[in-house]
Amino acid sequence: MFDTQQFIADCEAAVAEDSSHVSVREIVARAVSDPAAVLKGLGEPDASGVKKIHNSDTLTIINVVWAPWMTIMPHNHEMWAAIGVYTGREDNMFWRRVEGAPDGHIEAAGAMDLSPGEVSPLGPGIIHSVTNPIPRLTGAIHVYGGNFFDTPRSEWDAETLTEQPYDVEKNMRLFQEFGTA
């Protein structure tokens, strides 16, 4: 079974030894390699939301549950991340800054889908948007190399693709507004 406290301890030990995402990615991969165990340990998702599992200056672990068809606008983290899906699917669209463009304008640069048991590392400079493209809840463990909730970063307007400060409260409300399946 997925043991939340052991997962936290393993991630903390990995970050203490190597401050990059490399060793944490392996821990997340090991956890989501058994999606049924993660579901048993965290519980079957019943509503969209972001649940803090652990939060410190060097490590944040959250259980992210995406509502059906939910999309969040392009954003960055200003820290590395390791994302592991344990149920459903996450589609990530990657973006890059347009050199010389005003207002931090971005353009599409690639995509990746994550299904149960799959993990994606994200470097600290990555800009991405996320969609749950299926008609049911998607659950993923997100591990970040810093304080996810207190690090200044950016988001981009979905229509104009221009940069603005990331609004944590607004984005947490999006998960509440999407509600249950």
C-alpha atoms as a PDB file:
ATOM      1  CA  MET A   1       0.000   0.000   0.000  1.00  0.00           C
ATOM      2  CA  PHE A   2       1.062   3.585  -0.609  1.00  0.00           C
ATOM      3  CA  ASP A   3       2.337   4.962   2.713  1.00  0.00           C
ATOM      4  CA  THR A   4       2.081   8.758   2.682  1.00  0.00           C
ATOM      5  CA  GLN A   5       4.511   9.292   5.566  1.00  0.00           C
ATOM      6  CA  GLN A   6       7.105   6.985   4.011  1.00  0.00           C
ATOM      7  CA  PHE A   7       6.672   8.746   0.647  1.00  0.00           C
ATOM      8  CA  ILE A   8       7.323  12.117   2.332  1.00  0.00           C
ATOM      9  CA  ALA A   9      10.383  10.749   4.156  1.00  0.00           C
ATOM     10  CA  ASP A  10      11.749   9.226   0.935  1.00  0.00           C
ATOM     11  CA  CYS A  11      11.293  12.503  -0.964  1.00  0.00           C
ATOM     12  CA  GLU A  12      12.910  14.531   1.851  1.00  0.00           C
ATOM     13  CA  ALA A  13      15.897  12.179   1.923  1.00  0.00           C
ATOM     14  CA  ALA A  14      16.251  12.372  -1.858  1.00  0.00           C
ATOM     15  CA  VAL A  15      16.178  16.187  -1.847  1.00  0.00           C
ATOM     16  CA  ALA A  16      18.733  16.294   0.998  1.00  0.00           C
ATOM     17  CA  GLU A  17      21.075  14.145  -1.101  1.00  0.00           C
ATOM     18  CA  ASP A  18      20.392  15.684  -4.544  1.00  0.00           C
ATOM     19  CA  SER A  19      18.533  18.978  -4.919  1.00  0.00           C
ATOM     20  CA  SER A  20      17.483  18.176  -8.509  1.00  0.00           C
ATOM     21  CA  HIS A  21      14.384  16.273  -9.590  1.00  0.00           C
ATOM     22  CA  VAL A  22      16.327  13.167 -10.632  1.00  0.00           C
ATOM     23  CA  SER A  23      16.078  11.080  -7.447  1.00  0.00           C
ATOM     24  CA  VAL A  24      12.573  12.327  -6.580  1.00  0.00           C
ATOM     25  CA  ARG A  25      11.368  11.314 -10.038  1.00  0.00           C
ATOM     26  CA  GLU A  26      12.365   7.724  -9.249  1.00  0.00           C
ATOM     27  CA  ILE A  27      10.410   7.817  -5.966  1.00  0.00           C
ATOM     28  CA  VAL A  28       7.305   9.150  -7.730  1.00  0.00           C
ATOM     29  CA  ALA A  29       7.714   6.539 -10.491  1.00  0.00           C
ATOM     30  CA  ARG A  30       7.932   3.757  -7.919  1.00  0.00           C
ATOM     31  CA  ALA A  31       4.779   5.040  -6.172  1.00  0.00           C
ATOM     32  CA  VAL A  32       2.597   5.411  -9.276  1.00  0.00           C
ATOM     33  CA  SER A  33       3.818   2.123 -10.755  1.00  0.00           C
ATOM     34  CA  ASP A  34       1.064   0.637  -8.576  1.00  0.00           C
ATOM     35  CA  PRO A  35      -1.911   2.981  -9.166  1.00  0.00           C
ATOM     36  CA  ALA A  36      -4.250   0.767  -7.119  1.00  0.00           C
ATOM     37  CA  ALA A  37      -1.996   1.137  -4.061  1.00  0.00           C
ATOM     38  CA  VAL A  38      -1.940   4.936  -4.435  1.00  0.00           C
ATOM     39  CA  LEU A  39      -5.739   4.969  -4.760  1.00  0.00           C
ATOM     40  CA  LYS A  40      -6.013   2.871  -1.614  1.00  0.00           C
ATOM     41  CA  GLY A  41      -3.527   5.078   0.262  1.00  0.00           C
ATOM     42  CA  LEU A  42      -4.903   8.462  -0.812  1.00  0.00           C
ATOM     43  CA  GLY A  43      -8.521   7.437  -1.340  1.00  0.00           C
ATOM     44  CA  GLU A  44     -10.606   7.379  -4.495  1.00  0.00           C
ATOM     45  CA  PRO A  45     -10.936  10.947  -5.841  1.00  0.00           C
ATOM     46  CA  ASP A  46     -14.482  12.284  -5.452  1.00  0.00           C
ATOM     47  CA  ALA A  47     -14.020  15.981  -6.291  1.00  0.00           C
ATOM     48  CA  SER A  48     -11.454  18.186  -7.981  1.00  0.00           C
ATOM     49  CA  GLY A  49      -8.992  19.885  -5.676  1.00  0.00           C
ATOM     50  CA  VAL A  50      -5.441  20.394  -4.507  1.00  0.00           C
ATOM     51  CA  LYS A  51      -4.596  18.663  -1.228  1.00  0.00           C
ATOM     52  CA  LYS A  52      -1.330  19.477   0.536  1.00  0.00           C
ATOM     53  CA  ILE A  53       0.463  16.340   1.595  1.00  0.00           C
ATOM     54  CA  HIS A  54       3.683  18.129   2.614  1.00  0.00           C
ATOM     55  CA  ASN A  55       4.864  21.731   2.330  1.00  0.00           C
ATOM     56  CA  SER A  56       8.240  23.213   3.278  1.00  0.00           C
ATOM     57  CA  ASP A  57      10.758  25.640   1.807  1.00  0.00           C
ATOM     58  CA  THR A  58      12.544  22.812  -0.015  1.00  0.00           C
ATOM     59  CA  LEU A  59       9.755  20.377  -0.882  1.00  0.00           C
ATOM     60  CA  THR A  60       6.030  20.461  -1.630  1.00  0.00           C
ATOM     61  CA  ILE A  61       3.957  17.348  -2.263  1.00  0.00           C
ATOM     62  CA  ILE A  62       0.352  17.731  -3.370  1.00  0.00           C
ATOM     63  CA  ASN A  63      -2.412  15.423  -4.514  1.00  0.00           C
ATOM     64  CA  VAL A  64      -3.976  17.130  -7.529  1.00  0.00           C
ATOM     65  CA  VAL A  65      -7.403  15.960  -8.690  1.00  0.00           C
ATOM     66  CA  TRP A  66      -8.519  17.388 -12.030  1.00  0.00           C
ATOM     67  CA  ALA A  67     -12.232  17.635 -12.838  1.00  0.00           C
ATOM     68  CA  PRO A  68     -13.448  16.172 -16.141  1.00  0.00           C
ATOM     69  CA  TRP A  69     -12.431  18.426 -19.063  1.00  0.00           C
ATOM     70  CA  MET A  70     -10.665  20.863 -16.690  1.00  0.00           C
ATOM     71  CA  THR A  71      -7.882  23.040 -18.098  1.00  0.00           C
ATOM     72  CA  ILE A  72      -5.537  25.382 -16.287  1.00  0.00           C
ATOM     73  CA  MET A  73      -3.822  28.217 -18.150  1.00  0.00           C
ATOM     74  CA  PRO A  74      -0.122  28.272 -19.023  1.00  0.00           C
ATOM     75  CA  HIS A  75       2.050  28.791 -15.944  1.00  0.00           C
ATOM     76  CA  ASN A  76       5.540  28.150 -14.648  1.00  0.00           C
ATOM     77  CA  HIS A  77       6.769  26.942 -11.266  1.00  0.00           C
ATOM     78  CA  GLU A  78      10.250  28.505 -10.907  1.00  0.00           C
ATOM     79  CA  MET A  79      11.295  25.147  -9.429  1.00  0.00           C
ATOM     80  CA  TRP A  80      11.584  21.584 -10.677  1.00  0.00           C
ATOM     81  CA  ALA A  81       8.683  19.172 -10.451  1.00  0.00           C
ATOM     82  CA  ALA A  82       7.980  15.462 -10.804  1.00  0.00           C
ATOM     83  CA  ILE A  83       4.393  14.629 -11.801  1.00  0.00           C
ATOM     84  CA  GLY A  84       3.006  11.101 -11.505  1.00  0.00           C
ATOM     85  CA  VAL A  85      -0.509  10.129 -12.587  1.00  0.00           C
ATOM     86  CA  TYR A  86      -2.302   7.398 -10.637  1.00  0.00           C
ATOM     87  CA  THR A  87      -5.758   7.583 -12.255  1.00  0.00           C
ATOM     88  CA  GLY A  88      -7.153   9.258 -15.376  1.00  0.00           C
ATOM     89  CA  ARG A  89      -4.977  11.312 -17.719  1.00  0.00           C
ATOM     90  CA  GLU A  90      -3.112  14.626 -17.752  1.00  0.00           C
ATOM     91  CA  ASP A  91      -2.344  16.311 -21.073  1.00  0.00           C
ATOM     92  CA  ASN A  92       0.469  18.839 -20.791  1.00  0.00           C
ATOM     93  CA  MET A  93       1.056  21.470 -23.435  1.00  0.00           C
ATOM     94  CA  PHE A  94       4.494  23.060 -23.255  1.00  0.00           C
ATOM     95  CA  TRP A  95       5.146  26.681 -24.125  1.00  0.00           C
ATOM     96  CA  ARG A  96       8.194  28.862 -24.774  1.00  0.00           C
ATOM     97  CA  ARG A  97       8.732  32.587 -24.596  1.00  0.00           C
ATOM     98  CA  VAL A  98       8.785  34.366 -27.953  1.00  0.00           C
ATOM     99  CA  GLU A  99      12.134  36.121 -28.112  1.00  0.00           C
ATOM    100  CA  GLY A 100      11.742  39.892 -28.209  1.00  0.00           C
ATOM    101  CA  ALA A 101       7.940  39.774 -27.887  1.00  0.00           C
ATOM    102  CA  PRO A 102       6.267  42.273 -25.557  1.00  0.00           C
ATOM    103  CA  ASP A 103       4.450  41.260 -22.363  1.00  0.00           C
ATOM    104  CA  GLY A 104       6.224  37.903 -22.067  1.00  0.00           C
ATOM    105  CA  HIS A 105       4.248  36.474 -24.996  1.00  0.00           C
ATOM    106  CA  ILE A 106       4.537  32.680 -25.414  1.00  0.00           C
ATOM    107  CA  GLU A 107       3.947  30.139 -28.168  1.00  0.00           C
ATOM    108  CA  ALA A 108       3.223  26.407 -28.143  1.00  0.00           C
ATOM    109  CA  ALA A 109       6.337  24.233 -28.141  1.00  0.00           C
ATOM    110  CA  GLY A 110       5.217  20.633 -27.599  1.00  0.00           C
ATOM    111  CA  ALA A 111       2.949  18.307 -25.675  1.00  0.00           C
ATOM    112  CA  MET A 112       2.947  15.180 -23.532  1.00  0.00           C
ATOM    113  CA  ASP A 113       0.192  13.003 -22.147  1.00  0.00           C
ATOM    114  CA  LEU A 114       0.482  11.139 -18.857  1.00  0.00           C
ATOM    115  CA  SER A 115      -1.571   8.051 -18.040  1.00  0.00           C
ATOM    116  CA  PRO A 116      -1.675   5.976 -14.844  1.00  0.00           C
ATOM    117  CA  GLY A 117       1.791   4.808 -13.855  1.00  0.00           C
ATOM    118  CA  GLU A 118       3.592   7.469 -15.902  1.00  0.00           C
ATOM    119  CA  VAL A 119       5.835  10.249 -14.572  1.00  0.00           C
ATOM    120  CA  SER A 120       7.138  13.455 -16.101  1.00  0.00           C
ATOM    121  CA  PRO A 121       9.963  15.572 -14.729  1.00  0.00           C
ATOM    122  CA  LEU A 122       9.657  19.318 -15.306  1.00  0.00           C
ATOM    123  CA  GLY A 123      12.677  21.604 -15.118  1.00  0.00           C
ATOM    124  CA  PRO A 124      12.498  24.930 -13.267  1.00  0.00           C
ATOM    125  CA  GLY A 125      12.138  26.934 -16.495  1.00  0.00           C
ATOM    126  CA  ILE A 126       9.243  24.936 -17.965  1.00  0.00           C
ATOM    127  CA  ILE A 127       6.007  26.710 -18.903  1.00  0.00           C
ATOM    128  CA  HIS A 128       3.027  24.395 -19.332  1.00  0.00           C
ATOM    129  CA  SER A 129      -0.750  24.193 -19.277  1.00  0.00           C
ATOM    130  CA  VAL A 130      -2.645  21.108 -18.141  1.00  0.00           C
ATOM    131  CA  THR A 131      -5.906  19.551 -19.317  1.00  0.00           C
ATOM    132  CA  ASN A 132      -7.849  16.555 -18.096  1.00  0.00           C
ATOM    133  CA  PRO A 133      -9.209  15.394 -21.475  1.00  0.00           C
ATOM    134  CA  ILE A 134     -11.465  12.630 -20.162  1.00  0.00           C
ATOM    135  CA  PRO A 135     -15.004  12.591 -18.706  1.00  0.00           C
ATOM    136  CA  ARG A 136     -13.922  11.540 -15.200  1.00  0.00           C
ATOM    137  CA  LEU A 137     -11.609  12.743 -12.441  1.00  0.00           C
ATOM    138  CA  THR A 138      -7.846  12.478 -12.901  1.00  0.00           C
ATOM    139  CA  GLY A 139      -5.504  12.113  -9.919  1.00  0.00           C
ATOM    140  CA  ALA A 140      -1.790  12.862  -9.817  1.00  0.00           C
ATOM    141  CA  ILE A 141       0.946  13.252  -7.244  1.00  0.00           C
ATOM    142  CA  HIS A 142       2.890  16.474  -7.854  1.00  0.00           C
ATOM    143  CA  VAL A 143       6.241  16.904  -6.094  1.00  0.00           C
ATOM    144  CA  TYR A 144       8.009  20.285  -6.278  1.00  0.00           C
ATOM    145  CA  GLY A 145      11.541  21.291  -5.312  1.00  0.00           C
ATOM    146  CA  GLY A 146      10.486  24.272  -3.197  1.00  0.00           C
ATOM    147  CA  ASN A 147       7.504  25.967  -1.599  1.00  0.00           C
ATOM    148  CA  PHE A 148       4.850  25.687  -4.311  1.00  0.00           C
ATOM    149  CA  PHE A 149       2.443  27.992  -2.478  1.00  0.00           C
ATOM    150  CA  ASP A 150       4.875  30.823  -1.674  1.00  0.00           C
ATOM    151  CA  THR A 151       7.190  31.142  -4.679  1.00  0.00           C
ATOM    152  CA  PRO A 152       6.575  34.090  -7.019  1.00  0.00           C
ATOM    153  CA  ARG A 153       6.011  32.906 -10.562  1.00  0.00           C
ATOM    154  CA  SER A 154       3.972  33.651 -13.673  1.00  0.00           C
ATOM    155  CA  GLU A 155       0.845  32.585 -15.495  1.00  0.00           C
ATOM    156  CA  TRP A 156      -0.225  33.527 -19.001  1.00  0.00           C
ATOM    157  CA  ASP A 157      -3.644  34.711 -20.088  1.00  0.00           C
ATOM    158  CA  ALA A 158      -5.181  31.836 -22.052  1.00  0.00           C
ATOM    159  CA  GLU A 159      -6.528  34.148 -24.750  1.00  0.00           C
ATOM    160  CA  THR A 160      -3.727  36.694 -25.234  1.00  0.00           C
ATOM    161  CA  LEU A 161      -0.822  34.505 -24.028  1.00  0.00           C
ATOM    162  CA  THR A 162       0.629  37.463 -22.138  1.00  0.00           C
ATOM    163  CA  GLU A 163       2.441  37.117 -18.833  1.00  0.00           C
ATOM    164  CA  GLN A 164       1.073  38.160 -15.455  1.00  0.00           C
ATOM    165  CA  PRO A 165       1.841  37.267 -11.825  1.00  0.00           C
ATOM    166  CA  TYR A 166       0.581  33.822 -10.787  1.00  0.00           C
ATOM    167  CA  ASP A 167      -2.463  34.049  -8.530  1.00  0.00           C
ATOM    168  CA  VAL A 168      -2.437  31.036  -6.177  1.00  0.00           C
ATOM    169  CA  GLU A 169      -5.859  31.774  -4.656  1.00  0.00           C
ATOM    170  CA  LYS A 170      -7.521  32.176  -8.067  1.00  0.00           C
ATOM    171  CA  ASN A 171      -6.078  28.903  -9.283  1.00  0.00           C
ATOM    172  CA  MET A 172      -7.105  27.022  -6.130  1.00  0.00           C
ATOM    173  CA  ARG A 173     -10.648  28.417  -6.605  1.00  0.00           C
ATOM    174  CA  LEU A 174     -10.698  27.004 -10.144  1.00  0.00           C
ATOM    175  CA  PHE A 175     -10.455  23.516  -8.691  1.00  0.00           C
ATOM    176  CA  GLN A 176     -13.347  24.232  -6.303  1.00  0.00           C
ATOM    177  CA  GLU A 177     -15.485  25.748  -9.073  1.00  0.00           C
ATOM    178  CA  PHE A 178     -15.065  22.675 -11.266  1.00  0.00           C
ATOM    179  CA  GLY A 179     -16.390  20.642  -8.334  1.00  0.00           C
ATOM    180  CA  THR A 180     -17.281  16.984  -8.558  1.00  0.00           C
ATOM    181  CA  ALA A 181     -17.532  14.640 -11.482  1.00  0.00           C
END
